[in-house]
């Protein structure tokens, strides 16, 4: 068994609000993503429902499904396993 220090980048699309200039408040984005990251942090990923085969590709897709359910204008996520390797999912 071994661990990783993943990095996750989340991309959203849409028109910025005429009032704020934002597509979405990044604080709200963090609040949505934080519980999913907490569920995975320092865990045996094979024991997480839906991640029985926790490849980076499967983990990226798992995160996409969880985040997309709460952020409809999610357009891309990047999950890096190391600084030099990772996967991208676009929907």
PDB file of N, CA and C in Angstrom:
ATOM      1  N   UNK A   1       0.846  -1.166   0.000  1.00  0.00           N
ATOM      2  CA  UNK A   1       0.000   0.000   0.000  1.00  0.00           C
ATOM      3  C   UNK A   1       0.899   1.239   0.000  1.00  0.00           C
ATOM      4  N   UNK A   2       0.440   2.276  -0.687  1.00  0.00           N
ATOM      5  CA  UNK A   2       1.197   3.520  -0.726  1.00  0.00           C
ATOM      6  C   UNK A   2       0.229   4.693  -0.823  1.00  0.00           C
ATOM      7  N   UNK A   3       0.728   5.870  -0.591  1.00  0.00           N
ATOM      8  CA  UNK A   3      -0.114   7.059  -0.628  1.00  0.00           C
ATOM      9  C   UNK A   3       0.322   8.028  -1.705  1.00  0.00           C
ATOM     10  N   UNK A   4      -0.518   8.990  -1.945  1.00  0.00           N
ATOM     11  CA  UNK A   4      -0.246  10.041  -2.921  1.00  0.00           C
ATOM     12  C   UNK A   4      -0.634  11.384  -2.322  1.00  0.00           C
ATOM     13  N   UNK A   5      -0.042  12.409  -2.846  1.00  0.00           N
ATOM     14  CA  UNK A   5      -0.461  13.770  -2.547  1.00  0.00           C
ATOM     15  C   UNK A   5      -1.013  14.337  -3.846  1.00  0.00           C
ATOM     16  N   UNK A   6      -2.304  14.162  -4.031  1.00  0.00           N
ATOM     17  CA  UNK A   6      -2.963  14.601  -5.254  1.00  0.00           C
ATOM     18  C   UNK A   6      -3.162  16.113  -5.249  1.00  0.00           C
ATOM     19  N   UNK A   7      -3.253  16.675  -6.434  1.00  0.00           N
ATOM     20  CA  UNK A   7      -3.738  18.045  -6.585  1.00  0.00           C
ATOM     21  C   UNK A   7      -4.935  18.002  -7.525  1.00  0.00           C
ATOM     22  N   UNK A   8      -5.909  18.830  -7.228  1.00  0.00           N
ATOM     23  CA  UNK A   8      -7.150  18.859  -7.995  1.00  0.00           C
ATOM     24  C   UNK A   8      -7.402  20.283  -8.466  1.00  0.00           C
ATOM     25  N   UNK A   9      -7.645  20.424  -9.759  1.00  0.00           N
ATOM     26  CA  UNK A   9      -8.035  21.711 -10.327  1.00  0.00           C
ATOM     27  C   UNK A   9      -9.442  21.566 -10.875  1.00  0.00           C
ATOM     28  N   UNK A  10     -10.261  22.551 -10.589  1.00  0.00           N
ATOM     29  CA  UNK A  10     -11.658  22.529 -11.000  1.00  0.00           C
ATOM     30  C   UNK A  10     -11.923  23.738 -11.886  1.00  0.00           C
ATOM     31  N   UNK A  11     -12.593  23.496 -13.002  1.00  0.00           N
ATOM     32  CA  UNK A  11     -12.895  24.558 -13.953  1.00  0.00           C
ATOM     33  C   UNK A  11     -14.401  24.635 -14.156  1.00  0.00           C
ATOM     34  N   UNK A  12     -14.906  25.847 -14.171  1.00  0.00           N
ATOM     35  CA  UNK A  12     -16.325  26.077 -14.419  1.00  0.00           C
ATOM     36  C   UNK A  12     -16.454  26.989 -15.634  1.00  0.00           C
ATOM     37  N   UNK A  13     -17.617  26.957 -16.245  1.00  0.00           N
ATOM     38  CA  UNK A  13     -17.858  27.822 -17.398  1.00  0.00           C
ATOM     39  C   UNK A  13     -19.156  28.580 -17.174  1.00  0.00           C
ATOM     40  N   UNK A  14     -19.303  29.654 -17.885  1.00  0.00           N
ATOM     41  CA  UNK A  14     -20.525  30.435 -17.787  1.00  0.00           C
ATOM     42  C   UNK A  14     -20.242  31.908 -17.964  1.00  0.00           C
ATOM     43  N   UNK A  15     -21.288  32.679 -17.851  1.00  0.00           N
ATOM     44  CA  UNK A  15     -21.169  34.132 -17.973  1.00  0.00           C
ATOM     45  C   UNK A  15     -20.973  34.731 -16.587  1.00  0.00           C
ATOM     46  N   UNK A  16     -20.030  35.630 -16.455  1.00  0.00           N
ATOM     47  CA  UNK A  16     -19.869  36.306 -15.165  1.00  0.00           C
ATOM     48  C   UNK A  16     -21.106  37.148 -14.826  1.00  0.00           C
ATOM     49  N   UNK A  17     -21.438  37.183 -13.560  1.00  0.00           N
ATOM     50  CA  UNK A  17     -22.535  38.009 -13.072  1.00  0.00           C
ATOM     51  C   UNK A  17     -22.234  39.481 -13.342  1.00  0.00           C
ATOM     52  N   UNK A  18     -23.248  40.221 -13.736  1.00  0.00           N
ATOM     53  CA  UNK A  18     -23.039  41.654 -13.948  1.00  0.00           C
ATOM     54  C   UNK A  18     -22.838  42.378 -12.617  1.00  0.00           C
ATOM     55  N   UNK A  19     -23.215  41.738 -11.528  1.00  0.00           N
ATOM     56  CA  UNK A  19     -23.093  42.361 -10.207  1.00  0.00           C
ATOM     57  C   UNK A  19     -21.750  42.079  -9.547  1.00  0.00           C
ATOM     58  N   UNK A  20     -21.264  40.843  -9.680  1.00  0.00           N
ATOM     59  CA  UNK A  20     -20.026  40.463  -8.979  1.00  0.00           C
ATOM     60  C   UNK A  20     -18.831  40.326  -9.911  1.00  0.00           C
ATOM     61  N   UNK A  21     -19.104  40.058 -11.184  1.00  0.00           N
ATOM     62  CA  UNK A  21     -18.022  39.768 -12.118  1.00  0.00           C
ATOM     63  C   UNK A  21     -17.556  38.322 -12.045  1.00  0.00           C
ATOM     64  N   UNK A  22     -18.206  37.519 -11.225  1.00  0.00           N
ATOM     65  CA  UNK A  22     -17.835  36.113 -11.036  1.00  0.00           C
ATOM     66  C   UNK A  22     -18.784  35.203 -11.795  1.00  0.00           C
ATOM     67  N   UNK A  23     -18.272  34.044 -12.158  1.00  0.00           N
ATOM     68  CA  UNK A  23     -19.146  32.954 -12.593  1.00  0.00           C
ATOM     69  C   UNK A  23     -19.667  32.248 -11.347  1.00  0.00           C
ATOM     70  N   UNK A  24     -18.776  32.085 -10.378  1.00  0.00           N
ATOM     71  CA  UNK A  24     -19.123  31.453  -9.102  1.00  0.00           C
ATOM     72  C   UNK A  24     -18.139  31.952  -8.059  1.00  0.00           C
ATOM     73  N   UNK A  25     -18.605  32.129  -6.868  1.00  0.00           N
ATOM     74  CA  UNK A  25     -17.729  32.505  -5.763  1.00  0.00           C
ATOM     75  C   UNK A  25     -16.846  31.300  -5.434  1.00  0.00           C
ATOM     76  N   UNK A  26     -15.532  31.463  -5.505  1.00  0.00           N
ATOM     77  CA  UNK A  26     -14.629  30.343  -5.254  1.00  0.00           C
ATOM     78  C   UNK A  26     -14.724  29.836  -3.820  1.00  0.00           C
ATOM     79  N   UNK A  27     -15.179  30.661  -2.913  1.00  0.00           N
ATOM     80  CA  UNK A  27     -15.414  30.203  -1.547  1.00  0.00           C
ATOM     81  C   UNK A  27     -16.532  29.158  -1.530  1.00  0.00           C
ATOM     82  N   UNK A  28     -17.588  29.401  -2.302  1.00  0.00           N
ATOM     83  CA  UNK A  28     -18.676  28.422  -2.419  1.00  0.00           C
ATOM     84  C   UNK A  28     -18.172  27.142  -3.073  1.00  0.00           C
ATOM     85  N   UNK A  29     -17.328  27.289  -4.072  1.00  0.00           N
ATOM     86  CA  UNK A  29     -16.744  26.130  -4.746  1.00  0.00           C
ATOM     87  C   UNK A  29     -15.963  25.273  -3.750  1.00  0.00           C
ATOM     88  N   UNK A  30     -15.132  25.909  -2.947  1.00  0.00           N
ATOM     89  CA  UNK A  30     -14.358  25.175  -1.937  1.00  0.00           C
ATOM     90  C   UNK A  30     -15.272  24.470  -0.949  1.00  0.00           C
ATOM     91  N   UNK A  31     -16.354  25.139  -0.541  1.00  0.00           N
ATOM     92  CA  UNK A  31     -17.290  24.528   0.406  1.00  0.00           C
ATOM     93  C   UNK A  31     -17.956  23.286  -0.172  1.00  0.00           C
ATOM     94  N   UNK A  32     -18.175  23.263  -1.474  1.00  0.00           N
ATOM     95  CA  UNK A  32     -18.778  22.100  -2.125  1.00  0.00           C
ATOM     96  C   UNK A  32     -17.776  20.957  -2.230  1.00  0.00           C
ATOM     97  N   UNK A  33     -16.541  21.272  -2.562  1.00  0.00           N
ATOM     98  CA  UNK A  33     -15.523  20.240  -2.804  1.00  0.00           C
ATOM     99  C   UNK A  33     -14.938  19.687  -1.504  1.00  0.00           C
ATOM    100  N   UNK A  34     -14.827  20.519  -0.494  1.00  0.00           N
ATOM    101  CA  UNK A  34     -14.151  20.142   0.750  1.00  0.00           C
ATOM    102  C   UNK A  34     -14.656  18.832   1.374  1.00  0.00           C
ATOM    103  N   UNK A  35     -15.971  18.594   1.472  1.00  0.00           N
ATOM    104  CA  UNK A  35     -16.417  17.327   2.076  1.00  0.00           C
ATOM    105  C   UNK A  35     -15.978  16.083   1.292  1.00  0.00           C
ATOM    106  N   UNK A  36     -15.909  16.197  -0.037  1.00  0.00           N
ATOM    107  CA  UNK A  36     -15.481  15.049  -0.849  1.00  0.00           C
ATOM    108  C   UNK A  36     -14.002  14.771  -0.643  1.00  0.00           C
ATOM    109  N   UNK A  37     -13.208  15.831  -0.534  1.00  0.00           N
ATOM    110  CA  UNK A  37     -11.777  15.660  -0.280  1.00  0.00           C
ATOM    111  C   UNK A  37     -11.575  15.072   1.110  1.00  0.00           C
ATOM    112  N   UNK A  38     -12.333  15.557   2.078  1.00  0.00           N
ATOM    113  CA  UNK A  38     -12.220  15.044   3.449  1.00  0.00           C
ATOM    114  C   UNK A  38     -12.562  13.557   3.509  1.00  0.00           C
ATOM    115  N   UNK A  39     -13.521  13.136   2.702  1.00  0.00           N
ATOM    116  CA  UNK A  39     -13.901  11.722   2.668  1.00  0.00           C
ATOM    117  C   UNK A  39     -12.757  10.841   2.174  1.00  0.00           C
ATOM    118  N   UNK A  40     -11.917  11.394   1.315  1.00  0.00           N
ATOM    119  CA  UNK A  40     -10.825  10.625   0.711  1.00  0.00           C
ATOM    120  C   UNK A  40      -9.502  10.746   1.458  1.00  0.00           C
ATOM    121  N   UNK A  41      -9.308  11.838   2.175  1.00  0.00           N
ATOM    122  CA  UNK A  41      -8.019  12.146   2.787  1.00  0.00           C
ATOM    123  C   UNK A  41      -7.616  11.090   3.814  1.00  0.00           C
ATOM    124  N   UNK A  42      -6.426  10.562   3.656  1.00  0.00           N
ATOM    125  CA  UNK A  42      -5.841   9.556   4.558  1.00  0.00           C
ATOM    126  C   UNK A  42      -6.711   8.304   4.682  1.00  0.00           C
ATOM    127  N   UNK A  43      -7.353   7.925   3.589  1.00  0.00           N
ATOM    128  CA  UNK A  43      -8.189   6.725   3.572  1.00  0.00           C
ATOM    129  C   UNK A  43      -7.597   5.688   2.626  1.00  0.00           C
ATOM    130  N   UNK A  44      -7.970   4.456   2.842  1.00  0.00           N
ATOM    131  CA  UNK A  44      -7.687   3.401   1.869  1.00  0.00           C
ATOM    132  C   UNK A  44      -8.774   3.548   0.803  1.00  0.00           C
ATOM    133  N   UNK A  45      -8.399   4.056  -0.346  1.00  0.00           N
ATOM    134  CA  UNK A  45      -9.391   4.396  -1.363  1.00  0.00           C
ATOM    135  C   UNK A  45     -10.179   3.187  -1.845  1.00  0.00           C
ATOM    136  N   UNK A  46      -9.578   2.011  -1.803  1.00  0.00           N
ATOM    137  CA  UNK A  46     -10.294   0.794  -2.207  1.00  0.00           C
ATOM    138  C   UNK A  46     -11.535   0.563  -1.343  1.00  0.00           C
ATOM    139  N   UNK A  47     -11.562   1.125  -0.149  1.00  0.00           N
ATOM    140  CA  UNK A  47     -12.682   0.943   0.768  1.00  0.00           C
ATOM    141  C   UNK A  47     -13.774   1.996   0.594  1.00  0.00           C
ATOM    142  N   UNK A  48     -13.555   2.971  -0.269  1.00  0.00           N
ATOM    143  CA  UNK A  48     -14.557   4.008  -0.528  1.00  0.00           C
ATOM    144  C   UNK A  48     -15.504   3.492  -1.605  1.00  0.00           C
ATOM    145  N   UNK A  49     -16.806   3.555  -1.321  1.00  0.00           N
ATOM    146  CA  UNK A  49     -17.793   3.050  -2.277  1.00  0.00           C
ATOM    147  C   UNK A  49     -17.625   3.733  -3.633  1.00  0.00           C
ATOM    148  N   UNK A  50     -17.498   2.911  -4.671  1.00  0.00           N
ATOM    149  CA  UNK A  50     -17.310   3.418  -6.021  1.00  0.00           C
ATOM    150  C   UNK A  50     -15.855   3.538  -6.432  1.00  0.00           C
ATOM    151  N   UNK A  51     -14.937   3.312  -5.489  1.00  0.00           N
ATOM    152  CA  UNK A  51     -13.504   3.411  -5.794  1.00  0.00           C
ATOM    153  C   UNK A  51     -12.776   2.106  -5.498  1.00  0.00           C
ATOM    154  N   UNK A  52     -13.433   1.013  -5.745  1.00  0.00           N
ATOM    155  CA  UNK A  52     -12.813  -0.283  -5.481  1.00  0.00           C
ATOM    156  C   UNK A  52     -11.548  -0.486  -6.318  1.00  0.00           C
ATOM    157  N   UNK A  53     -11.480   0.171  -7.455  1.00  0.00           N
ATOM    158  CA  UNK A  53     -10.283   0.173  -8.305  1.00  0.00           C
ATOM    159  C   UNK A  53      -9.838   1.634  -8.444  1.00  0.00           C
ATOM    160  N   UNK A  54      -9.101   2.148  -7.454  1.00  0.00           N
ATOM    161  CA  UNK A  54      -8.850   3.589  -7.373  1.00  0.00           C
ATOM    162  C   UNK A  54      -7.703   4.098  -8.245  1.00  0.00           C
ATOM    163  N   UNK A  55      -7.804   3.868  -9.540  1.00  0.00           N
ATOM    164  CA  UNK A  55      -6.829   4.471 -10.448  1.00  0.00           C
ATOM    165  C   UNK A  55      -7.067   5.982 -10.469  1.00  0.00           C
ATOM    166  N   UNK A  56      -6.108   6.713 -10.934  1.00  0.00           N
ATOM    167  CA  UNK A  56      -6.302   8.165 -11.058  1.00  0.00           C
ATOM    168  C   UNK A  56      -7.485   8.475 -11.965  1.00  0.00           C
ATOM    169  N   UNK A  57      -7.627   7.699 -13.025  1.00  0.00           N
ATOM    170  CA  UNK A  57      -8.740   7.904 -13.953  1.00  0.00           C
ATOM    171  C   UNK A  57     -10.081   7.679 -13.254  1.00  0.00           C
ATOM    172  N   UNK A  58     -10.189   6.588 -12.504  1.00  0.00           N
ATOM    173  CA  UNK A  58     -11.438   6.302 -11.799  1.00  0.00           C
ATOM    174  C   UNK A  58     -11.709   7.320 -10.699  1.00  0.00           C
ATOM    175  N   UNK A  59     -10.671   7.747 -10.007  1.00  0.00           N
ATOM    176  CA  UNK A  59     -10.829   8.754  -8.963  1.00  0.00           C
ATOM    177  C   UNK A  59     -11.288  10.082  -9.566  1.00  0.00           C
ATOM    178  N   UNK A  60     -10.731  10.451 -10.690  1.00  0.00           N
ATOM    179  CA  UNK A  60     -11.118  11.684 -11.372  1.00  0.00           C
ATOM    180  C   UNK A  60     -12.589  11.625 -11.783  1.00  0.00           C
ATOM    181  N   UNK A  61     -13.022  10.519 -12.341  1.00  0.00           N
ATOM    182  CA  UNK A  61     -14.418  10.360 -12.743  1.00  0.00           C
ATOM    183  C   UNK A  61     -15.339  10.355 -11.526  1.00  0.00           C
ATOM    184  N   UNK A  62     -14.933   9.691 -10.453  1.00  0.00           N
ATOM    185  CA  UNK A  62     -15.710   9.656  -9.206  1.00  0.00           C
ATOM    186  C   UNK A  62     -15.912  11.079  -8.686  1.00  0.00           C
ATOM    187  N   UNK A  63     -14.825  11.857  -8.641  1.00  0.00           N
ATOM    188  CA  UNK A  63     -14.921  13.242  -8.183  1.00  0.00           C
ATOM    189  C   UNK A  63     -15.810  14.065  -9.112  1.00  0.00           C
ATOM    190  N   UNK A  64     -15.670  13.851 -10.412  1.00  0.00           N
ATOM    191  CA  UNK A  64     -16.510  14.564 -11.379  1.00  0.00           C
ATOM    192  C   UNK A  64     -17.989  14.360 -11.065  1.00  0.00           C
ATOM    193  N   UNK A  65     -18.389  13.123 -10.876  1.00  0.00           N
ATOM    194  CA  UNK A  65     -19.801  12.821 -10.621  1.00  0.00           C
ATOM    195  C   UNK A  65     -20.292  13.499  -9.348  1.00  0.00           C
ATOM    196  N   UNK A  66     -19.483  13.483  -8.302  1.00  0.00           N
ATOM    197  CA  UNK A  66     -19.876  14.094  -7.030  1.00  0.00           C
ATOM    198  C   UNK A  66     -19.990  15.612  -7.164  1.00  0.00           C
ATOM    199  N   UNK A  67     -19.009  16.225  -7.803  1.00  0.00           N
ATOM    200  CA  UNK A  67     -18.974  17.687  -7.906  1.00  0.00           C
ATOM    201  C   UNK A  67     -20.002  18.187  -8.917  1.00  0.00           C
ATOM    202  N   UNK A  68     -20.140  17.498 -10.035  1.00  0.00           N
ATOM    203  CA  UNK A  68     -21.083  17.903 -11.091  1.00  0.00           C
ATOM    204  C   UNK A  68     -22.514  17.938 -10.565  1.00  0.00           C
ATOM    205  N   UNK A  69     -22.836  17.049  -9.636  1.00  0.00           N
ATOM    206  CA  UNK A  69     -24.177  17.027  -9.056  1.00  0.00           C
ATOM    207  C   UNK A  69     -24.494  18.334  -8.326  1.00  0.00           C
ATOM    208  N   UNK A  70     -23.463  19.028  -7.861  1.00  0.00           N
ATOM    209  CA  UNK A  70     -23.658  20.265  -7.109  1.00  0.00           C
ATOM    210  C   UNK A  70     -23.262  21.523  -7.885  1.00  0.00           C
ATOM    211  N   UNK A  71     -22.494  21.350  -8.944  1.00  0.00           N
ATOM    212  CA  UNK A  71     -22.054  22.487  -9.761  1.00  0.00           C
ATOM    213  C   UNK A  71     -22.365  22.156 -11.220  1.00  0.00           C
ATOM    214  N   UNK A  72     -23.568  22.478 -11.682  1.00  0.00           N
ATOM    215  CA  UNK A  72     -23.959  22.107 -13.045  1.00  0.00           C
ATOM    216  C   UNK A  72     -23.056  22.674 -14.139  1.00  0.00           C
ATOM    217  N   UNK A  73     -22.428  23.827 -13.899  1.00  0.00           N
ATOM    218  CA  UNK A  73     -21.583  24.412 -14.939  1.00  0.00           C
ATOM    219  C   UNK A  73     -20.118  23.989 -14.819  1.00  0.00           C
ATOM    220  N   UNK A  74     -19.876  22.896 -14.105  1.00  0.00           N
ATOM    221  CA  UNK A  74     -18.546  22.290 -14.076  1.00  0.00           C
ATOM    222  C   UNK A  74     -18.212  21.846 -15.500  1.00  0.00           C
ATOM    223  N   UNK A  75     -17.016  22.175 -15.973  1.00  0.00           N
ATOM    224  CA  UNK A  75     -16.680  21.795 -17.350  1.00  0.00           C
ATOM    225  C   UNK A  75     -15.410  20.956 -17.449  1.00  0.00           C
ATOM    226  N   UNK A  76     -14.588  20.949 -16.393  1.00  0.00           N
ATOM    227  CA  UNK A  76     -13.334  20.204 -16.477  1.00  0.00           C
ATOM    228  C   UNK A  76     -12.750  20.043 -15.081  1.00  0.00           C
ATOM    229  N   UNK A  77     -12.155  18.881 -14.833  1.00  0.00           N
ATOM    230  CA  UNK A  77     -11.344  18.717 -13.630  1.00  0.00           C
ATOM    231  C   UNK A  77     -10.026  18.058 -14.027  1.00  0.00           C
ATOM    232  N   UNK A  78      -8.989  18.452 -13.327  1.00  0.00           N
ATOM    233  CA  UNK A  78      -7.663  17.869 -13.517  1.00  0.00           C
ATOM    234  C   UNK A  78      -7.218  17.305 -12.180  1.00  0.00           C
ATOM    235  N   UNK A  79      -6.808  16.063 -12.189  1.00  0.00           N
ATOM    236  CA  UNK A  79      -6.314  15.406 -10.988  1.00  0.00           C
ATOM    237  C   UNK A  79      -4.890  14.953 -11.253  1.00  0.00           C
ATOM    238  N   UNK A  80      -3.958  15.504 -10.501  1.00  0.00           N
ATOM    239  CA  UNK A  80      -2.554  15.129 -10.651  1.00  0.00           C
ATOM    240  C   UNK A  80      -2.135  14.248  -9.491  1.00  0.00           C
ATOM    241  N   UNK A  81      -1.547  13.116  -9.847  1.00  0.00           N
ATOM    242  CA  UNK A  81      -1.010  12.171  -8.869  1.00  0.00           C
ATOM    243  C   UNK A  81       0.391  12.598  -8.432  1.00  0.00           C
ATOM    244  N   UNK A  82       1.122  13.179  -9.363  1.00  0.00           N
ATOM    245  CA  UNK A  82       2.453  13.730  -9.110  1.00  0.00           C
ATOM    246  C   UNK A  82       2.525  15.058  -9.863  1.00  0.00           C
ATOM    247  N   UNK A  83       3.560  15.843  -9.651  1.00  0.00           N
ATOM    248  CA  UNK A  83       3.675  17.089 -10.413  1.00  0.00           C
ATOM    249  C   UNK A  83       3.758  16.876 -11.925  1.00  0.00           C
ATOM    250  N   UNK A  84       4.146  15.671 -12.342  1.00  0.00           N
ATOM    251  CA  UNK A  84       4.354  15.399 -13.765  1.00  0.00           C
ATOM    252  C   UNK A  84       3.330  14.472 -14.402  1.00  0.00           C
ATOM    253  N   UNK A  85       2.382  13.954 -13.634  1.00  0.00           N
ATOM    254  CA  UNK A  85       1.423  13.018 -14.225  1.00  0.00           C
ATOM    255  C   UNK A  85       0.045  13.219 -13.617  1.00  0.00           C
ATOM    256  N   UNK A  86      -0.946  13.120 -14.486  1.00  0.00           N
ATOM    257  CA  UNK A  86      -2.310  13.295 -14.030  1.00  0.00           C
ATOM    258  C   UNK A  86      -3.292  12.992 -15.140  1.00  0.00           C
ATOM    259  N   UNK A  87      -4.552  13.215 -14.831  1.00  0.00           N
ATOM    260  CA  UNK A  87      -5.627  12.964 -15.788  1.00  0.00           C
ATOM    261  C   UNK A  87      -6.552  14.177 -15.826  1.00  0.00           C
ATOM    262  N   UNK A  88      -7.232  14.313 -16.947  1.00  0.00           N
ATOM    263  CA  UNK A  88      -8.200  15.388 -17.147  1.00  0.00           C
ATOM    264  C   UNK A  88      -9.522  14.746 -17.538  1.00  0.00           C
ATOM    265  N   UNK A  89     -10.608  15.224 -16.936  1.00  0.00           N
ATOM    266  CA  UNK A  89     -11.938  14.801 -17.354  1.00  0.00           C
ATOM    267  C   UNK A  89     -12.710  16.051 -17.739  1.00  0.00           C
ATOM    268  N   UNK A  90     -13.313  16.021 -18.912  1.00  0.00           N
ATOM    269  CA  UNK A  90     -14.146  17.115 -19.393  1.00  0.00           C
ATOM    270  C   UNK A  90     -15.521  16.570 -19.718  1.00  0.00           C
ATOM    271  N   UNK A  91     -16.527  17.299 -19.350  1.00  0.00           N
ATOM    272  CA  UNK A  91     -17.874  16.817 -19.607  1.00  0.00           C
ATOM    273  C   UNK A  91     -18.744  17.849 -20.253  1.00  0.00           C
TER     274      UNK A  91
END
